[in-house]
Amino acid sequence: MTHHNRISFIMTNILSIVNTPTPCGDIVLGDINGSLCLSDWILNNHHLKSIARICKANNVAISYSSTPIIESAITQLSEYFQGNRTSFQLPTMLIGTDFQKAVWRAINNIPFGCLISYSELAQTIGMPRAVRAVANAVGANPLPIIIPCHRVTTNRGEHTGFSGGINAKLQILTIESK
Protein backbone atom coordinates (compact mmCIF):
# COMPACT_ATOMS: atom_id res chain seq x y z
CA MET A 1 0.00 0.00 0.00
CA THR A 2 1.37 3.34 -1.03
CA HIS A 3 0.82 6.46 1.02
CA HIS A 4 0.91 9.77 -0.73
CA ASN A 5 1.47 12.96 1.13
CA ARG A 6 -1.12 15.46 0.12
CA ILE A 7 -0.45 19.13 0.37
CA SER A 8 -3.56 21.16 0.88
CA PHE A 9 -3.69 24.76 -0.16
CA ILE A 10 -6.23 26.98 1.46
CA MET A 11 -7.32 29.72 -0.88
CA THR A 12 -7.16 33.04 0.88
CA ASN A 13 -9.43 35.86 -0.20
CA ILE A 14 -7.93 39.31 -0.26
CA LEU A 15 -9.80 42.06 1.55
CA SER A 16 -8.46 45.24 -0.01
CA ILE A 17 -9.14 48.25 2.18
CA VAL A 18 -8.59 51.98 1.76
CA ASN A 19 -9.40 54.88 4.08
CA THR A 20 -11.10 57.79 2.34
CA PRO A 21 -12.42 61.13 3.57
CA THR A 22 -16.00 62.27 3.09
CA PRO A 23 -17.56 65.60 4.06
CA CYS A 24 -19.12 63.76 7.03
CA GLY A 25 -16.04 61.92 8.28
CA ASP A 26 -13.56 59.30 7.20
CA ILE A 27 -14.67 55.86 6.06
CA VAL A 28 -12.97 52.58 5.19
CA LEU A 29 -13.86 50.99 1.88
CA GLY A 30 -13.30 47.27 1.39
CA ASP A 31 -13.44 44.93 -1.58
CA ILE A 32 -13.32 41.14 -1.74
CA ASN A 33 -13.16 39.52 -5.17
CA GLY A 34 -14.51 42.58 -6.99
CA SER A 35 -17.42 43.26 -4.64
CA LEU A 36 -17.69 46.10 -2.17
CA CYS A 37 -18.18 44.59 1.29
CA LEU A 38 -17.28 47.57 3.47
CA SER A 39 -17.91 51.32 3.51
CA ASP A 40 -17.87 51.86 7.23
CA TRP A 41 -17.10 54.80 9.48
CA ILE A 42 -13.76 55.11 11.22
CA LEU A 43 -15.41 57.16 14.00
CA ASN A 44 -15.41 55.22 17.27
CA ASN A 45 -13.69 52.33 15.47
CA HIS A 46 -17.07 51.13 14.15
CA HIS A 47 -15.30 49.71 11.09
CA LEU A 48 -13.32 47.26 13.24
CA LYS A 49 -16.48 45.29 14.07
CA SER A 50 -17.34 45.06 10.38
CA ILE A 51 -13.81 44.00 9.44
CA ALA A 52 -13.84 41.33 12.19
CA ARG A 53 -17.16 39.95 10.87
CA ILE A 54 -15.79 39.92 7.30
CA CYS A 55 -12.61 38.13 8.41
CA LYS A 56 -14.57 35.59 10.45
CA ALA A 57 -16.90 34.78 7.54
CA ASN A 58 -14.12 34.49 4.96
CA ASN A 59 -10.56 33.24 4.94
CA VAL A 60 -9.18 36.74 4.46
CA ALA A 61 -5.82 38.39 4.16
CA ILE A 62 -5.94 42.19 4.38
CA SER A 63 -4.24 44.31 1.75
CA TYR A 64 -4.05 48.06 2.22
CA SER A 65 -4.48 48.80 -1.46
CA SER A 66 -7.11 50.10 -3.81
CA THR A 67 -9.03 48.20 -6.47
CA PRO A 68 -11.21 49.28 -9.39
CA ILE A 69 -14.33 48.70 -7.23
CA ILE A 70 -12.93 50.86 -4.43
CA GLU A 71 -12.03 53.60 -6.93
CA SER A 72 -15.55 53.42 -8.37
CA ALA A 73 -16.99 53.65 -4.85
CA ILE A 74 -14.85 56.73 -4.11
CA THR A 75 -16.07 58.37 -7.32
CA GLN A 76 -19.72 57.52 -6.66
CA LEU A 77 -19.51 58.69 -3.03
CA SER A 78 -18.00 61.98 -4.21
CA GLU A 79 -20.84 62.40 -6.71
CA TYR A 80 -23.36 61.60 -3.97
CA PHE A 81 -21.93 64.18 -1.57
CA GLN A 82 -21.89 66.78 -4.36
CA GLY A 83 -25.61 66.14 -4.89
CA ASN A 84 -25.08 64.51 -8.30
CA ARG A 85 -26.01 60.92 -7.40
CA THR A 86 -29.06 59.41 -5.68
CA SER A 87 -28.12 55.71 -5.78
CA PHE A 88 -25.04 53.55 -6.15
CA GLN A 89 -24.21 51.10 -8.92
CA LEU A 90 -21.63 48.89 -7.26
CA PRO A 91 -21.39 45.13 -6.90
CA THR A 92 -21.73 44.40 -3.20
CA MET A 93 -21.15 41.42 -0.96
CA LEU A 94 -23.32 41.35 2.14
CA ILE A 95 -21.59 39.58 5.01
CA GLY A 96 -23.88 38.90 7.93
CA THR A 97 -26.67 36.62 9.09
CA ASP A 98 -29.63 35.87 6.84
CA PHE A 99 -31.74 38.15 9.05
CA GLN A 100 -29.25 41.02 8.78
CA LYS A 101 -29.08 40.60 5.01
CA ALA A 102 -32.88 40.74 4.78
CA VAL A 103 -32.88 43.98 6.77
CA TRP A 104 -30.08 45.47 4.64
CA ARG A 105 -31.88 44.55 1.41
CA ALA A 106 -35.04 46.24 2.72
CA ILE A 107 -33.05 49.35 3.67
CA ASN A 108 -31.63 49.45 0.17
CA ASN A 109 -35.20 49.79 -1.15
CA ILE A 110 -35.93 52.98 0.83
CA PRO A 111 -36.18 55.73 -1.80
CA PHE A 112 -33.70 58.60 -1.84
CA GLY A 113 -34.85 61.41 0.44
CA CYS A 114 -37.41 59.26 2.29
CA LEU A 115 -37.40 58.09 5.89
CA ILE A 116 -38.98 55.09 7.55
CA SER A 117 -39.08 53.95 11.15
CA TYR A 118 -37.54 50.83 12.61
CA SER A 119 -41.05 49.43 13.14
CA GLU A 120 -41.98 50.12 9.49
CA LEU A 121 -38.78 48.38 8.44
CA ALA A 122 -39.66 45.39 10.64
CA GLN A 123 -43.08 45.24 8.95
CA THR A 124 -41.42 45.46 5.52
CA ILE A 125 -39.47 42.26 6.16
CA GLY A 126 -42.57 40.54 7.56
CA MET A 127 -41.45 40.56 11.19
CA PRO A 128 -43.40 43.39 12.87
CA ARG A 129 -42.47 42.25 16.41
CA ALA A 130 -38.73 42.20 15.67
CA VAL A 131 -38.17 45.95 15.98
CA ARG A 132 -35.23 45.65 18.38
CA ALA A 133 -33.56 42.98 16.24
CA VAL A 134 -34.12 45.13 13.15
CA ALA A 135 -32.52 48.10 14.93
CA ASN A 136 -29.51 45.93 15.82
CA ALA A 137 -29.20 44.79 12.19
CA VAL A 138 -29.38 48.40 11.01
CA GLY A 139 -26.57 49.23 13.42
CA ALA A 140 -24.46 46.36 12.05
CA ASN A 141 -24.73 47.59 8.45
CA PRO A 142 -21.19 47.31 6.99
CA LEU A 143 -22.07 49.53 4.02
CA PRO A 144 -23.46 52.79 5.45
CA ILE A 145 -24.40 55.36 2.81
CA ILE A 146 -24.24 52.66 0.10
CA ILE A 147 -26.99 50.81 1.99
CA PRO A 148 -28.76 53.92 3.31
CA CYS A 149 -29.34 53.10 6.99
CA HIS A 150 -29.37 56.86 7.63
CA ARG A 151 -32.95 56.79 6.27
CA VAL A 152 -34.19 54.82 9.29
CA THR A 153 -35.51 56.71 12.34
CA THR A 154 -37.49 56.06 15.48
CA ASN A 155 -41.31 56.08 15.39
CA ARG A 156 -41.16 59.69 16.57
CA GLY A 157 -38.78 60.63 13.76
CA GLU A 158 -35.76 60.93 16.04
CA HIS A 159 -32.30 60.36 14.60
CA THR A 160 -30.50 57.99 16.91
CA GLY A 161 -27.67 55.50 16.83
CA PHE A 162 -25.80 56.23 13.61
CA SER A 163 -22.35 54.68 13.27
CA GLY A 164 -20.97 57.84 11.69
CA GLY A 165 -22.42 59.99 14.48
CA ILE A 166 -25.63 62.00 14.58
CA ASN A 167 -24.01 65.03 12.92
CA ALA A 168 -22.99 62.90 9.93
CA LYS A 169 -26.51 61.46 9.70
CA LEU A 170 -28.01 64.95 9.73
CA GLN A 171 -25.55 66.14 7.06
CA ILE A 172 -26.42 63.18 4.85
CA LEU A 173 -30.15 63.72 5.31
CA THR A 174 -29.66 67.39 4.41
CA ILE A 175 -27.99 66.35 1.15
CA GLU A 176 -30.94 64.08 0.40
CA SER A 177 -33.53 66.76 1.20
CA LYS A 178 -32.31 69.16 -1.49
C-alpha atoms as a PDB file:
ATOM      1  CA  MET A   1       0.000   0.000   0.000  1.00  0.00           C
ATOM      2  CA  THR A   2       1.370   3.344  -1.034  1.00  0.00           C
ATOM      3  CA  HIS A   3       0.817   6.455   1.015  1.00  0.00           C
ATOM      4  CA  HIS A   4       0.909   9.770  -0.728  1.00  0.00           C
ATOM      5  CA  ASN A   5       1.466  12.956   1.127  1.00  0.00           C
ATOM      6  CA  ARG A   6      -1.117  15.462   0.115  1.00  0.00           C
ATOM      7  CA  ILE A   7      -0.453  19.127   0.365  1.00  0.00           C
ATOM      8  CA  SER A   8      -3.557  21.155   0.884  1.00  0.00           C
ATOM      9  CA  PHE A   9      -3.688  24.765  -0.157  1.00  0.00           C
ATOM     10  CA  ILE A  10      -6.229  26.984   1.463  1.00  0.00           C
ATOM     11  CA  MET A  11      -7.325  29.721  -0.882  1.00  0.00           C
ATOM     12  CA  THR A  12      -7.159  33.044   0.880  1.00  0.00           C
ATOM     13  CA  ASN A  13      -9.430  35.857  -0.197  1.00  0.00           C
ATOM     14  CA  ILE A  14      -7.927  39.312  -0.258  1.00  0.00           C
ATOM     15  CA  LEU A  15      -9.802  42.062   1.550  1.00  0.00           C
ATOM     16  CA  SER A  16      -8.461  45.242  -0.007  1.00  0.00           C
ATOM     17  CA  ILE A  17      -9.136  48.255   2.179  1.00  0.00           C
ATOM     18  CA  VAL A  18      -8.588  51.978   1.764  1.00  0.00           C
ATOM     19  CA  ASN A  19      -9.399  54.877   4.076  1.00  0.00           C
ATOM     20  CA  THR A  20     -11.098  57.788   2.344  1.00  0.00           C
ATOM     21  CA  PRO A  21     -12.420  61.128   3.567  1.00  0.00           C
ATOM     22  CA  THR A  22     -16.002  62.272   3.094  1.00  0.00           C
ATOM     23  CA  PRO A  23     -17.556  65.599   4.064  1.00  0.00           C
ATOM     24  CA  CYS A  24     -19.122  63.756   7.029  1.00  0.00           C
ATOM     25  CA  GLY A  25     -16.040  61.924   8.285  1.00  0.00           C
ATOM     26  CA  ASP A  26     -13.560  59.299   7.204  1.00  0.00           C
ATOM     27  CA  ILE A  27     -14.670  55.863   6.059  1.00  0.00           C
ATOM     28  CA  VAL A  28     -12.973  52.578   5.192  1.00  0.00           C
ATOM     29  CA  LEU A  29     -13.856  50.993   1.879  1.00  0.00           C
ATOM     30  CA  GLY A  30     -13.300  47.275   1.387  1.00  0.00           C
ATOM     31  CA  ASP A  31     -13.441  44.930  -1.584  1.00  0.00           C
ATOM     32  CA  ILE A  32     -13.323  41.144  -1.745  1.00  0.00           C
ATOM     33  CA  ASN A  33     -13.156  39.517  -5.171  1.00  0.00           C
ATOM     34  CA  GLY A  34     -14.513  42.581  -6.992  1.00  0.00           C
ATOM     35  CA  SER A  35     -17.423  43.257  -4.637  1.00  0.00           C
ATOM     36  CA  LEU A  36     -17.692  46.103  -2.172  1.00  0.00           C
ATOM     37  CA  CYS A  37     -18.181  44.590   1.287  1.00  0.00           C
ATOM     38  CA  LEU A  38     -17.283  47.570   3.472  1.00  0.00           C
ATOM     39  CA  SER A  39     -17.913  51.318   3.513  1.00  0.00           C
ATOM     40  CA  ASP A  40     -17.873  51.863   7.231  1.00  0.00           C
ATOM     41  CA  TRP A  41     -17.101  54.798   9.480  1.00  0.00           C
ATOM     42  CA  ILE A  42     -13.763  55.114  11.219  1.00  0.00           C
ATOM     43  CA  LEU A  43     -15.415  57.161  13.996  1.00  0.00           C
ATOM     44  CA  ASN A  44     -15.410  55.223  17.271  1.00  0.00           C
ATOM     45  CA  ASN A  45     -13.690  52.331  15.465  1.00  0.00           C
ATOM     46  CA  HIS A  46     -17.065  51.128  14.152  1.00  0.00           C
ATOM     47  CA  HIS A  47     -15.297  49.711  11.093  1.00  0.00           C
ATOM     48  CA  LEU A  48     -13.317  47.262  13.235  1.00  0.00           C
ATOM     49  CA  LYS A  49     -16.483  45.291  14.069  1.00  0.00           C
ATOM     50  CA  SER A  50     -17.338  45.055  10.384  1.00  0.00           C
ATOM     51  CA  ILE A  51     -13.808  44.002   9.442  1.00  0.00           C
ATOM     52  CA  ALA A  52     -13.841  41.334  12.186  1.00  0.00           C
ATOM     53  CA  ARG A  53     -17.155  39.955  10.866  1.00  0.00           C
ATOM     54  CA  ILE A  54     -15.790  39.917   7.298  1.00  0.00           C
ATOM     55  CA  CYS A  55     -12.607  38.127   8.410  1.00  0.00           C
ATOM     56  CA  LYS A  56     -14.572  35.586  10.449  1.00  0.00           C
ATOM     57  CA  ALA A  57     -16.900  34.778   7.535  1.00  0.00           C
ATOM     58  CA  ASN A  58     -14.117  34.487   4.961  1.00  0.00           C
ATOM     59  CA  ASN A  59     -10.564  33.242   4.942  1.00  0.00           C
ATOM     60  CA  VAL A  60      -9.180  36.745   4.460  1.00  0.00           C
ATOM     61  CA  ALA A  61      -5.819  38.385   4.156  1.00  0.00           C
ATOM     62  CA  ILE A  62      -5.936  42.188   4.379  1.00  0.00           C
ATOM     63  CA  SER A  63      -4.240  44.306   1.746  1.00  0.00           C
ATOM     64  CA  TYR A  64      -4.046  48.056   2.220  1.00  0.00           C
ATOM     65  CA  SER A  65      -4.482  48.795  -1.458  1.00  0.00           C
ATOM     66  CA  SER A  66      -7.113  50.097  -3.807  1.00  0.00           C
ATOM     67  CA  THR A  67      -9.034  48.202  -6.466  1.00  0.00           C
ATOM     68  CA  PRO A  68     -11.210  49.281  -9.394  1.00  0.00           C
ATOM     69  CA  ILE A  69     -14.326  48.702  -7.231  1.00  0.00           C
ATOM     70  CA  ILE A  70     -12.935  50.865  -4.433  1.00  0.00           C
ATOM     71  CA  GLU A  71     -12.029  53.598  -6.927  1.00  0.00           C
ATOM     72  CA  SER A  72     -15.549  53.420  -8.368  1.00  0.00           C
ATOM     73  CA  ALA A  73     -16.994  53.647  -4.849  1.00  0.00           C
ATOM     74  CA  ILE A  74     -14.848  56.731  -4.111  1.00  0.00           C
ATOM     75  CA  THR A  75     -16.071  58.366  -7.323  1.00  0.00           C
ATOM     76  CA  GLN A  76     -19.721  57.519  -6.660  1.00  0.00           C
ATOM     77  CA  LEU A  77     -19.510  58.695  -3.030  1.00  0.00           C
ATOM     78  CA  SER A  78     -17.998  61.983  -4.205  1.00  0.00           C
ATOM     79  CA  GLU A  79     -20.841  62.403  -6.706  1.00  0.00           C
ATOM     80  CA  TYR A  80     -23.358  61.598  -3.969  1.00  0.00           C
ATOM     81  CA  PHE A  81     -21.928  64.184  -1.566  1.00  0.00           C
ATOM     82  CA  GLN A  82     -21.887  66.783  -4.363  1.00  0.00           C
ATOM     83  CA  GLY A  83     -25.612  66.137  -4.886  1.00  0.00           C
ATOM     84  CA  ASN A  84     -25.078  64.507  -8.299  1.00  0.00           C
ATOM     85  CA  ARG A  85     -26.014  60.916  -7.399  1.00  0.00           C
ATOM     86  CA  THR A  86     -29.064  59.414  -5.679  1.00  0.00           C
ATOM     87  CA  SER A  87     -28.120  55.712  -5.782  1.00  0.00           C
ATOM     88  CA  PHE A  88     -25.038  53.546  -6.154  1.00  0.00           C
ATOM     89  CA  GLN A  89     -24.215  51.104  -8.920  1.00  0.00           C
ATOM     90  CA  LEU A  90     -21.631  48.894  -7.264  1.00  0.00           C
ATOM     91  CA  PRO A  91     -21.393  45.134  -6.902  1.00  0.00           C
ATOM     92  CA  THR A  92     -21.730  44.399  -3.199  1.00  0.00           C
ATOM     93  CA  MET A  93     -21.150  41.416  -0.958  1.00  0.00           C
ATOM     94  CA  LEU A  94     -23.320  41.350   2.144  1.00  0.00           C
ATOM     95  CA  ILE A  95     -21.586  39.581   5.007  1.00  0.00           C
ATOM     96  CA  GLY A  96     -23.880  38.900   7.932  1.00  0.00           C
ATOM     97  CA  THR A  97     -26.672  36.624   9.089  1.00  0.00           C
ATOM     98  CA  ASP A  98     -29.632  35.870   6.842  1.00  0.00           C
ATOM     99  CA  PHE A  99     -31.742  38.146   9.050  1.00  0.00           C
ATOM    100  CA  GLN A 100     -29.252  41.019   8.784  1.00  0.00           C
ATOM    101  CA  LYS A 101     -29.076  40.600   5.011  1.00  0.00           C
ATOM    102  CA  ALA A 102     -32.884  40.738   4.779  1.00  0.00           C
ATOM    103  CA  VAL A 103     -32.883  43.983   6.770  1.00  0.00           C
ATOM    104  CA  TRP A 104     -30.085  45.474   4.645  1.00  0.00           C
ATOM    105  CA  ARG A 105     -31.884  44.554   1.407  1.00  0.00           C
ATOM    106  CA  ALA A 106     -35.039  46.237   2.720  1.00  0.00           C
ATOM    107  CA  ILE A 107     -33.053  49.347   3.674  1.00  0.00           C
ATOM    108  CA  ASN A 108     -31.634  49.450   0.169  1.00  0.00           C
ATOM    109  CA  ASN A 109     -35.195  49.791  -1.148  1.00  0.00           C
ATOM    110  CA  ILE A 110     -35.928  52.977   0.832  1.00  0.00           C
ATOM    111  CA  PRO A 111     -36.183  55.728  -1.800  1.00  0.00           C
ATOM    112  CA  PHE A 112     -33.697  58.596  -1.842  1.00  0.00           C
ATOM    113  CA  GLY A 113     -34.848  61.413   0.441  1.00  0.00           C
ATOM    114  CA  CYS A 114     -37.413  59.261   2.285  1.00  0.00           C
ATOM    115  CA  LEU A 115     -37.397  58.092   5.894  1.00  0.00           C
ATOM    116  CA  ILE A 116     -38.982  55.088   7.549  1.00  0.00           C
ATOM    117  CA  SER A 117     -39.079  53.954  11.154  1.00  0.00           C
ATOM    118  CA  TYR A 118     -37.538  50.829  12.607  1.00  0.00           C
ATOM    119  CA  SER A 119     -41.048  49.430  13.135  1.00  0.00           C
ATOM    120  CA  GLU A 120     -41.985  50.123   9.494  1.00  0.00           C
ATOM    121  CA  LEU A 121     -38.777  48.379   8.442  1.00  0.00           C
ATOM    122  CA  ALA A 122     -39.660  45.387  10.639  1.00  0.00           C
ATOM    123  CA  GLN A 123     -43.080  45.235   8.946  1.00  0.00           C
ATOM    124  CA  THR A 124     -41.425  45.461   5.520  1.00  0.00           C
ATOM    125  CA  ILE A 125     -39.473  42.263   6.162  1.00  0.00           C
ATOM    126  CA  GLY A 126     -42.575  40.539   7.558  1.00  0.00           C
ATOM    127  CA  MET A 127     -41.454  40.556  11.190  1.00  0.00           C
ATOM    128  CA  PRO A 128     -43.398  43.387  12.872  1.00  0.00           C
ATOM    129  CA  ARG A 129     -42.465  42.246  16.406  1.00  0.00           C
ATOM    130  CA  ALA A 130     -38.728  42.202  15.674  1.00  0.00           C
ATOM    131  CA  VAL A 131     -38.167  45.953  15.979  1.00  0.00           C
ATOM    132  CA  ARG A 132     -35.228  45.653  18.379  1.00  0.00           C
ATOM    133  CA  ALA A 133     -33.562  42.980  16.236  1.00  0.00           C
ATOM    134  CA  VAL A 134     -34.120  45.133  13.146  1.00  0.00           C
ATOM    135  CA  ALA A 135     -32.519  48.100  14.935  1.00  0.00           C
ATOM    136  CA  ASN A 136     -29.508  45.935  15.821  1.00  0.00           C
ATOM    137  CA  ALA A 137     -29.203  44.787  12.191  1.00  0.00           C
ATOM    138  CA  VAL A 138     -29.384  48.399  11.006  1.00  0.00           C
ATOM    139  CA  GLY A 139     -26.569  49.225  13.420  1.00  0.00           C
ATOM    140  CA  ALA A 140     -24.460  46.360  12.047  1.00  0.00           C
ATOM    141  CA  ASN A 141     -24.729  47.589   8.451  1.00  0.00           C
ATOM    142  CA  PRO A 142     -21.185  47.312   6.993  1.00  0.00           C
ATOM    143  CA  LEU A 143     -22.070  49.529   4.016  1.00  0.00           C
ATOM    144  CA  PRO A 144     -23.462  52.788   5.450  1.00  0.00           C
ATOM    145  CA  ILE A 145     -24.403  55.363   2.808  1.00  0.00           C
ATOM    146  CA  ILE A 146     -24.242  52.656   0.097  1.00  0.00           C
ATOM    147  CA  ILE A 147     -26.993  50.805   1.987  1.00  0.00           C
ATOM    148  CA  PRO A 148     -28.756  53.923   3.312  1.00  0.00           C
ATOM    149  CA  CYS A 149     -29.338  53.100   6.987  1.00  0.00           C
ATOM    150  CA  HIS A 150     -29.370  56.858   7.628  1.00  0.00           C
ATOM    151  CA  ARG A 151     -32.950  56.793   6.266  1.00  0.00           C
ATOM    152  CA  VAL A 152     -34.186  54.818   9.293  1.00  0.00           C
ATOM    153  CA  THR A 153     -35.508  56.708  12.342  1.00  0.00           C
ATOM    154  CA  THR A 154     -37.489  56.062  15.484  1.00  0.00           C
ATOM    155  CA  ASN A 155     -41.311  56.078  15.388  1.00  0.00           C
ATOM    156  CA  ARG A 156     -41.162  59.693  16.573  1.00  0.00           C
ATOM    157  CA  GLY A 157     -38.782  60.633  13.755  1.00  0.00           C
ATOM    158  CA  GLU A 158     -35.756  60.930  16.038  1.00  0.00           C
ATOM    159  CA  HIS A 159     -32.303  60.360  14.597  1.00  0.00           C
ATOM    160  CA  THR A 160     -30.499  57.995  16.913  1.00  0.00           C
ATOM    161  CA  GLY A 161     -27.670  55.496  16.834  1.00  0.00           C
ATOM    162  CA  PHE A 162     -25.804  56.231  13.610  1.00  0.00           C
ATOM    163  CA  SER A 163     -22.348  54.675  13.269  1.00  0.00           C
ATOM    164  CA  GLY A 164     -20.972  57.845  11.692  1.00  0.00           C
ATOM    165  CA  GLY A 165     -22.415  59.989  14.475  1.00  0.00           C
ATOM    166  CA  ILE A 166     -25.631  62.000  14.579  1.00  0.00           C
ATOM    167  CA  ASN A 167     -24.005  65.026  12.917  1.00  0.00           C
ATOM    168  CA  ALA A 168     -22.986  62.899   9.929  1.00  0.00           C
ATOM    169  CA  LYS A 169     -26.505  61.465   9.699  1.00  0.00           C
ATOM    170  CA  LEU A 170     -28.010  64.946   9.730  1.00  0.00           C
ATOM    171  CA  GLN A 171     -25.548  66.139   7.063  1.00  0.00           C
ATOM    172  CA  ILE A 172     -26.423  63.177   4.852  1.00  0.00           C
ATOM    173  CA  LEU A 173     -30.155  63.717   5.311  1.00  0.00           C
ATOM    174  CA  THR A 174     -29.662  67.389   4.406  1.00  0.00           C
ATOM    175  CA  ILE A 175     -27.986  66.346   1.152  1.00  0.00           C
ATOM    176  CA  GLU A 176     -30.944  64.081   0.405  1.00  0.00           C
ATOM    177  CA  SER A 177     -33.534  66.759   1.201  1.00  0.00           C
ATOM    178  CA  LYS A 178     -32.309  69.159  -1.493  1.00  0.00           C
END
